[in-house]
Structure formats: C-alpha cells, structure tokens
Amino acid sequence: MTDGQMPTGDVTSARAPDTGGSVERGVQVGVAAYLIWGFLTIYWKQLSAFDAVELIGWRMLTAAVVMALLTTARRSWPPLLASFRDRGTLARLVLAALLLTVNWGSYVWAVVNDRVIETALGYFIAPLATMAIGVTVLHERPTAAQRFAFVCASCAVVILTFSYGRPPWIALVLAGTWSLYGLTKRSVALGPVASLSGETFVLFVPAVAIVAISSTHSGSVVSAASGVEWGFALGTGLITAIPLTLFASAAQSIPFTLLGPLNLLVPVINFGLGWALYGEPMPIGRFVGFAFVWLALLVVMAERVRSGRRHQTAGLAAVT
C-alpha cells in the first residue's frame, strides 16, 4: 500500500492462483514490486528541493503518458473507453483518482519534509484500516483476533499522539485514503492496470494545470532543476507503472494470503530508511506505539495463516 500500489484486496481481475513453478515466479515478481515501492523513498528524496504539490503534478502527468503507452501496447483502449462512457464507472474512477491523489500527495509531502517514519506507520496501519472498513462499511463480522488488533491500533494512535505532540495525521491520512481507495476499486470492473490508466487519465488535465502554474514560480522544476533532477521528475511516471505491472502479474499467480504479508516489506523498508539512513528521531514512546501496531499485525497474520491451513486441510479432505 505504498504510493502507487494496488490494494491486495483488489481482485477484480485476478485469476485463481496457479500451482507449481508459477507460484515461485509470482513470489519473486511480487517481492520485486514491493522492494521497488519500498525504496521509492530514496527516489523522492532526490527531488526534496521542490514543492510537493508540483511533484504530484509531474507524477500525475508523466504517469498518464506512461499508462497511455502501456494501454496502447496492451490494446486495452476499447474496455477503457467504454468505462468512460458509463457514468457509474466514471464516477468511481474519479473518486478513486481523488483518493489516490491525496494518498500520493501525503506520501510525497512526508518524504520531502523528513517524515519518512510516519509514512511507514501509515502503511503498517493500512491493513488494519482496511479491516475496520470491512467491519463498519461492509458489515463483516470481526474475529476475536481482529477485535484485539483494533484495540492495539487504537492504543498505538493514542501513544503516538502523545509522542508526536499531535495525532499522527500523515499516517492516518495514508492509511485511510489507501483503504478507501481499495474499497472504491472493488466496484470498478477493470483490471489493476486498466483501472490505474483510467484514474491517471482523469487526473491529466488537473496535472497539466498544476505543472503549468507551478512552473511560473521561482524554484520550480522548470526554472531550477538540474539535468539529473529533470530525469528524476520525468521518471516519476515510470516508477508508478513498473511496480504496478509487476504486482498485477504476481496477483494472478500466487494466493492473496501469501501476497498480503509480502506487503509489509514496504513499511519495514520505509521505517529502516527513515530511522537508519535519514536519522529521523525515534524516541522510546514511538517505539512503544509502533510495537502495538506490530503486535496487531502479528496477531492478524497468525490468524490468517491458521485459517488458510484449515481451508487447505478441508479442501484436501473433500477431494479424498
């Protein structure tokens, strides 16, 4: 659930998981996607001299160009254009695009303003926020492990509020927008790549406006970027499309119960980068708050593994 990442709960285009060597290959591809997402923090740090809003404009603009090329290569224009003619689908794409913009914007703002550890917290909380939406919006019945996880997450927010001297807004916005984005995409009858294409096309005109207005200011990419910085700015579309494409491939070949835990690679990498590489403060109070989140995730993942094994055992018993 990092920046540009598809929610692991979005299965609109996923086939039933394959078995054998394709699973191993899928794991490798999935790990590659998550590693790229995790280390994108280093990429965005190279553009920290520029305004976060302008950077989001460049990302939306270049992502739309890249996704247009990818859509052409995949010959996916007919279903995409049909989705734009359907008002309901178009409305969902617009909503998803707005949520994605807020998520991207919050992430980039946090990275360029030395708040990387808080982005890690947001992506640790995101799976718990998704479960909360399942309970409150989709009326799913929480298990005992999920109820325990919700209590732990609530304790974490309280502890971290005292530690930061304010609520961890960036983390909460990242987790909330990503979970709502996943919920919205459940009702979009497009695959992950086609759906993101539609979202970036919706954002194209606003992106052009943001870049045009920002370019009139001193210190903008247009007026102040070096050649290397221009390369990073123009490459933001590629860094959006490449890990997404890898993830979409992985999601079609391995079980989501395996893909989900891999997602935790992203906040682990962000946490390590913020603390070890960028020297962001991590007092004991924040460690305690993070520990409550980690405990919640550990309990939920353990329950998921046990549930998966029970289903697998039941399936084998039914076959025999």
Protein backbone atom coordinates (compact mmCIF):
# COMPACT_ATOMS: atom_id res chain seq x y z
CA MET A 1 0.00 0.00 0.00
CA THR A 2 2.54 2.29 -0.65
CA ASP A 3 2.49 5.02 -3.02
CA GLY A 4 1.11 3.83 -6.32
CA GLN A 5 0.49 0.38 -5.01
CA MET A 6 -2.66 -1.63 -5.68
CA PRO A 7 -4.53 -2.85 -2.60
CA THR A 8 -4.05 -6.55 -2.03
CA GLY A 9 -7.80 -6.85 -1.62
CA ASP A 10 -8.48 -5.71 -5.19
CA VAL A 11 -9.16 -8.95 -7.01
CA THR A 12 -11.33 -7.74 -9.83
CA SER A 13 -9.00 -9.11 -12.46
CA ALA A 14 -7.12 -11.82 -10.58
CA ARG A 15 -7.41 -15.37 -11.82
CA ALA A 16 -7.44 -18.32 -9.47
CA PRO A 17 -3.89 -18.82 -8.20
CA ASP A 18 -1.80 -21.26 -10.18
CA THR A 19 0.27 -24.01 -8.63
CA GLY A 20 3.80 -25.22 -9.14
CA GLY A 21 6.60 -23.12 -10.59
CA SER A 22 4.32 -20.18 -11.40
CA VAL A 23 3.80 -19.59 -7.67
CA GLU A 24 7.54 -19.35 -7.08
CA ARG A 25 7.86 -17.00 -10.03
CA GLY A 26 4.92 -14.96 -8.75
CA VAL A 27 6.55 -14.59 -5.34
CA GLN A 28 9.74 -13.33 -6.98
CA VAL A 29 7.82 -10.81 -9.06
CA GLY A 30 5.76 -9.72 -6.04
CA VAL A 31 8.87 -9.24 -3.91
CA ALA A 32 10.40 -7.17 -6.72
CA ALA A 33 7.31 -4.92 -6.82
CA TYR A 34 7.32 -4.39 -3.07
CA LEU A 35 11.07 -3.73 -2.95
CA ILE A 36 10.68 -1.06 -5.62
CA TRP A 37 7.79 0.53 -3.73
CA GLY A 38 9.77 0.47 -0.51
CA PHE A 39 12.89 2.08 -1.93
CA LEU A 40 10.94 4.76 -3.82
CA THR A 41 11.52 6.89 -0.74
CA ILE A 42 15.14 7.29 -1.85
CA TYR A 43 13.92 8.29 -5.31
CA TRP A 44 11.62 11.02 -3.98
CA LYS A 45 14.36 12.30 -1.67
CA GLN A 46 16.30 13.31 -4.79
CA LEU A 47 13.51 15.81 -5.51
CA SER A 48 13.16 17.20 -1.98
CA ALA A 49 14.24 20.68 -3.16
CA PHE A 50 10.92 21.10 -4.96
CA ASP A 51 7.37 21.69 -3.76
CA ALA A 52 5.41 18.50 -3.06
CA VAL A 53 2.30 19.74 -4.91
CA GLU A 54 4.37 20.40 -8.04
CA LEU A 55 5.94 16.95 -7.76
CA ILE A 56 2.49 15.35 -7.60
CA GLY A 57 1.55 17.30 -10.73
CA TRP A 58 4.59 15.91 -12.55
CA ARG A 59 3.82 12.43 -11.32
CA MET A 60 0.19 12.52 -12.45
CA LEU A 61 1.19 14.00 -15.82
CA THR A 62 4.01 11.57 -16.61
CA ALA A 63 2.04 8.61 -15.22
CA ALA A 64 -0.80 9.40 -17.61
CA VAL A 65 1.64 9.42 -20.54
CA VAL A 66 3.22 6.11 -19.46
CA MET A 67 -0.18 4.48 -18.88
CA ALA A 68 -1.37 5.66 -22.30
CA LEU A 69 1.63 3.95 -23.90
CA LEU A 70 1.04 0.83 -21.80
CA THR A 71 -2.66 0.77 -22.70
CA THR A 72 -1.75 1.04 -26.38
CA ALA A 73 0.79 -1.78 -26.09
CA ARG A 74 -1.78 -3.98 -24.32
CA ARG A 75 -4.52 -2.99 -26.80
CA SER A 76 -6.76 -2.16 -23.86
CA TRP A 77 -8.37 1.02 -25.17
CA PRO A 78 -11.84 -0.44 -26.03
CA PRO A 79 -12.84 -1.52 -22.49
CA LEU A 80 -11.26 1.62 -21.02
CA LEU A 81 -13.15 3.95 -23.35
CA ALA A 82 -16.34 2.01 -22.64
CA SER A 83 -15.82 2.59 -18.91
CA PHE A 84 -15.62 6.35 -19.52
CA ARG A 85 -18.99 6.24 -21.28
CA ASP A 86 -20.60 4.59 -18.24
CA ARG A 87 -21.48 7.27 -15.69
CA GLY A 88 -21.32 4.94 -12.72
CA THR A 89 -17.90 3.60 -13.64
CA LEU A 90 -16.62 7.07 -14.46
CA ALA A 91 -17.79 8.38 -11.09
CA ARG A 92 -15.95 5.56 -9.32
CA LEU A 93 -12.80 6.25 -11.33
CA VAL A 94 -12.97 9.93 -10.38
CA LEU A 95 -13.41 9.07 -6.70
CA ALA A 96 -10.55 6.57 -6.85
CA ALA A 97 -8.39 9.18 -8.60
CA LEU A 98 -9.09 11.76 -5.89
CA LEU A 99 -8.24 9.29 -3.11
CA LEU A 100 -5.10 8.25 -4.95
CA THR A 101 -4.07 11.89 -5.36
CA VAL A 102 -4.44 12.57 -1.65
CA ASN A 103 -2.51 9.38 -0.86
CA TRP A 104 0.30 10.19 -3.29
CA GLY A 105 0.40 13.81 -2.19
CA SER A 106 0.59 12.93 1.50
CA TYR A 107 3.36 10.42 0.87
CA VAL A 108 5.49 12.73 -1.27
CA TRP A 109 4.96 15.65 1.13
CA ALA A 110 6.04 13.47 4.05
CA VAL A 111 9.16 12.21 2.27
CA VAL A 112 10.40 15.64 1.16
CA ASN A 113 9.64 17.05 4.64
CA ASP A 114 11.59 14.38 6.56
CA ARG A 115 8.60 12.41 7.84
CA VAL A 116 9.51 9.01 6.34
CA ILE A 117 8.93 7.10 9.59
CA GLU A 118 5.38 8.42 9.71
CA THR A 119 4.75 7.06 6.21
CA ALA A 120 5.93 3.67 7.48
CA LEU A 121 3.40 3.92 10.31
CA GLY A 122 0.67 4.71 7.79
CA TYR A 123 1.43 1.64 5.72
CA PHE A 124 1.61 -0.54 8.83
CA ILE A 125 -1.83 0.75 9.87
CA ALA A 126 -3.37 0.43 6.39
CA PRO A 127 -4.22 -3.32 6.63
CA LEU A 128 -5.91 -2.66 9.98
CA ALA A 129 -7.82 0.27 8.47
CA THR A 130 -8.95 -1.99 5.64
CA MET A 131 -10.29 -4.49 8.18
CA ALA A 132 -12.08 -1.66 10.00
CA ILE A 133 -13.78 -0.64 6.75
CA GLY A 134 -14.79 -4.26 6.21
CA VAL A 135 -16.48 -4.28 9.61
CA THR A 136 -18.07 -0.81 9.56
CA VAL A 137 -18.94 -0.40 5.87
CA LEU A 138 -19.28 -3.93 4.50
CA HIS A 139 -20.74 -5.26 7.76
CA GLU A 140 -18.26 -8.10 8.01
CA ARG A 141 -18.15 -9.83 11.36
CA PRO A 142 -14.81 -9.24 13.13
CA THR A 143 -12.97 -12.20 14.59
CA ALA A 144 -11.50 -12.19 18.08
CA ALA A 145 -8.06 -11.56 16.58
CA GLN A 146 -9.34 -8.59 14.61
CA ARG A 147 -11.02 -7.09 17.67
CA PHE A 148 -7.75 -7.45 19.56
CA ALA A 149 -5.92 -5.81 16.64
CA PHE A 150 -8.33 -2.85 16.65
CA VAL A 151 -7.70 -2.30 20.37
CA CYS A 152 -3.93 -2.45 19.79
CA ALA A 153 -4.16 0.00 16.89
CA SER A 154 -6.23 2.41 18.99
CA CYS A 155 -3.65 2.23 21.79
CA ALA A 156 -0.92 2.89 19.25
CA VAL A 157 -2.61 6.05 17.95
CA VAL A 158 -3.06 7.38 21.49
CA ILE A 159 0.57 6.65 22.43
CA LEU A 160 1.91 8.15 19.21
CA THR A 161 -0.26 11.24 19.64
CA PHE A 162 1.49 11.88 22.97
CA SER A 163 4.88 11.06 21.42
CA TYR A 164 4.49 13.42 18.45
CA GLY A 165 2.59 16.03 20.43
CA ARG A 166 -0.19 15.73 17.86
CA PRO A 167 -2.13 12.94 16.17
CA PRO A 168 -0.03 11.15 13.50
CA TRP A 169 -2.04 12.82 10.75
CA ILE A 170 0.12 11.77 7.83
CA ALA A 171 -0.02 8.11 8.87
CA LEU A 172 -3.79 8.26 9.40
CA VAL A 173 -4.39 10.00 6.06
CA LEU A 174 -2.20 7.48 4.22
CA ALA A 175 -3.93 4.52 5.86
CA GLY A 176 -7.42 5.97 5.46
CA THR A 177 -7.14 7.05 1.84
CA TRP A 178 -5.48 3.80 0.82
CA SER A 179 -8.15 1.68 2.47
CA LEU A 180 -10.96 3.76 0.95
CA TYR A 181 -9.19 3.55 -2.40
CA GLY A 182 -9.25 -0.23 -2.14
CA LEU A 183 -12.94 -0.16 -1.25
CA THR A 184 -13.72 2.07 -4.23
CA LYS A 185 -11.81 -0.15 -6.64
CA ARG A 186 -13.86 -3.18 -5.61
CA SER A 187 -16.72 -1.72 -7.64
CA VAL A 188 -14.66 -0.80 -10.73
CA ALA A 189 -14.99 -3.54 -13.32
CA LEU A 190 -11.48 -3.08 -14.69
CA GLY A 191 -8.19 -4.83 -14.03
CA PRO A 192 -5.47 -3.16 -11.94
CA VAL A 193 -3.53 -1.69 -14.87
CA ALA A 194 -6.61 -0.55 -16.82
CA SER A 195 -8.10 0.95 -13.68
CA LEU A 196 -4.95 2.94 -12.90
CA SER A 197 -4.89 4.09 -16.53
CA GLY A 198 -8.41 5.44 -16.16
CA GLU A 199 -7.53 7.19 -12.92
CA THR A 200 -4.43 8.86 -14.36
CA PHE A 201 -6.38 9.99 -17.43
CA VAL A 202 -8.97 11.58 -15.15
CA LEU A 203 -6.12 13.43 -13.43
CA PHE A 204 -4.37 14.51 -16.64
CA VAL A 205 -5.97 17.95 -17.04
CA PRO A 206 -5.54 18.90 -13.35
CA ALA A 207 -1.94 17.67 -13.58
CA VAL A 208 -1.23 19.91 -16.59
CA ALA A 209 -2.72 22.86 -14.70
CA ILE A 210 -0.62 22.15 -11.57
CA VAL A 211 2.59 21.85 -13.59
CA ALA A 212 1.81 24.99 -15.62
CA ILE A 213 1.03 27.11 -12.56
CA SER A 214 3.98 25.77 -10.56
CA SER A 215 6.36 26.43 -13.43
CA THR A 216 5.77 30.18 -13.11
CA HIS A 217 7.27 30.17 -9.60
CA SER A 218 10.95 30.52 -8.79
CA GLY A 219 12.45 27.27 -7.54
CA SER A 220 10.15 25.12 -9.67
CA VAL A 221 11.35 22.11 -11.64
CA VAL A 222 11.17 24.10 -14.89
CA SER A 223 13.15 27.07 -13.57
CA ALA A 224 15.63 25.44 -11.20
CA ALA A 225 16.07 21.70 -11.85
CA SER A 226 19.41 20.31 -12.91
CA GLY A 227 19.67 17.74 -15.67
CA VAL A 228 19.67 14.91 -13.15
CA GLU A 229 16.66 16.37 -11.33
CA TRP A 230 14.82 16.68 -14.65
CA GLY A 231 15.48 12.98 -15.20
CA PHE A 232 14.01 12.13 -11.81
CA ALA A 233 10.95 14.36 -12.39
CA LEU A 234 10.22 12.88 -15.80
CA GLY A 235 10.78 9.36 -14.48
CA THR A 236 8.01 9.57 -11.89
CA GLY A 237 5.56 8.06 -14.36
CA LEU A 238 7.75 5.02 -14.90
CA ILE A 239 8.25 4.44 -11.18
CA THR A 240 4.46 4.38 -10.90
CA ALA A 241 3.85 1.94 -13.75
CA ILE A 242 6.68 -0.57 -13.32
CA PRO A 243 5.93 -1.85 -9.79
CA LEU A 244 2.19 -1.82 -10.51
CA THR A 245 2.68 -4.02 -13.57
CA LEU A 246 4.88 -6.41 -11.56
CA PHE A 247 2.27 -6.53 -8.81
CA ALA A 248 -0.56 -7.21 -11.26
CA SER A 249 1.43 -10.17 -12.62
CA ALA A 250 2.13 -11.52 -9.13
CA ALA A 251 -1.51 -11.17 -8.07
CA GLN A 252 -2.54 -13.52 -10.88
CA SER A 253 -0.25 -16.37 -9.87
CA ILE A 254 0.02 -16.55 -6.06
CA PRO A 255 -2.58 -16.71 -3.27
CA PHE A 256 -3.52 -13.40 -1.70
CA THR A 257 -2.87 -14.94 1.71
CA LEU A 258 0.77 -15.06 0.62
CA LEU A 259 0.76 -11.76 -1.27
CA GLY A 260 -0.72 -9.87 1.68
CA PRO A 261 2.15 -10.48 4.15
CA LEU A 262 4.67 -9.52 1.44
CA ASN A 263 3.06 -6.09 1.50
CA LEU A 264 4.67 -5.47 4.91
CA LEU A 265 8.04 -5.22 3.16
CA VAL A 266 7.14 -1.66 2.18
CA PRO A 267 6.68 -0.11 5.66
CA VAL A 268 9.59 -2.15 7.02
CA ILE A 269 11.86 -0.60 4.37
CA ASN A 270 10.44 2.88 4.98
CA PHE A 271 10.90 2.51 8.72
CA GLY A 272 14.52 1.43 8.24
CA LEU A 273 15.26 4.25 5.79
CA GLY A 274 13.72 6.93 7.99
CA TRP A 275 15.46 5.76 11.14
CA ALA A 276 18.84 4.46 9.93
CA LEU A 277 19.51 6.38 6.71
CA TYR A 278 17.81 9.74 7.26
CA GLY A 279 18.29 9.97 11.02
CA GLU A 280 14.67 10.77 11.92
CA PRO A 281 14.09 10.72 15.68
CA MET A 282 12.66 7.54 17.18
CA PRO A 283 12.21 8.05 20.94
CA ILE A 284 11.04 5.23 23.18
CA GLY A 285 7.44 6.43 23.08
CA ARG A 286 7.28 5.98 19.32
CA PHE A 287 8.84 2.54 19.58
CA VAL A 288 6.11 1.57 22.03
CA GLY A 289 3.42 2.92 19.69
CA PHE A 290 4.89 1.07 16.71
CA ALA A 291 5.15 -2.08 18.86
CA PHE A 292 1.36 -2.03 19.42
CA VAL A 293 0.83 -1.82 15.64
CA TRP A 294 3.31 -4.64 15.01
CA LEU A 295 1.58 -6.78 17.64
CA ALA A 296 -1.78 -6.17 15.97
CA LEU A 297 -0.41 -7.17 12.58
CA LEU A 298 1.31 -10.25 14.02
CA VAL A 299 -1.93 -11.48 15.58
CA VAL A 300 -3.91 -10.89 12.38
CA MET A 301 -1.31 -12.57 10.17
CA ALA A 302 -1.10 -15.57 12.50
CA GLU A 303 -4.87 -15.93 12.35
CA ARG A 304 -4.73 -15.69 8.55
CA VAL A 305 -2.13 -18.43 8.32
CA ARG A 306 -4.14 -20.72 10.60
CA SER A 307 -7.31 -20.04 8.61
CA GLY A 308 -5.52 -20.76 5.33
CA ARG A 309 -4.21 -24.06 6.66
CA ARG A 310 -7.69 -25.06 7.86
CA HIS A 311 -9.19 -24.31 4.45
CA GLN A 312 -6.40 -26.22 2.72
CA THR A 313 -6.90 -29.22 5.00
CA ALA A 314 -10.66 -29.11 4.46
CA GLY A 315 -10.15 -28.92 0.70
CA LEU A 316 -7.84 -31.93 0.68
CA ALA A 317 -10.31 -33.88 2.84
CA ALA A 318 -13.12 -33.06 0.43
CA VAL A 319 -11.07 -34.26 -2.54
CA THR A 320 -10.11 -37.53 -0.89
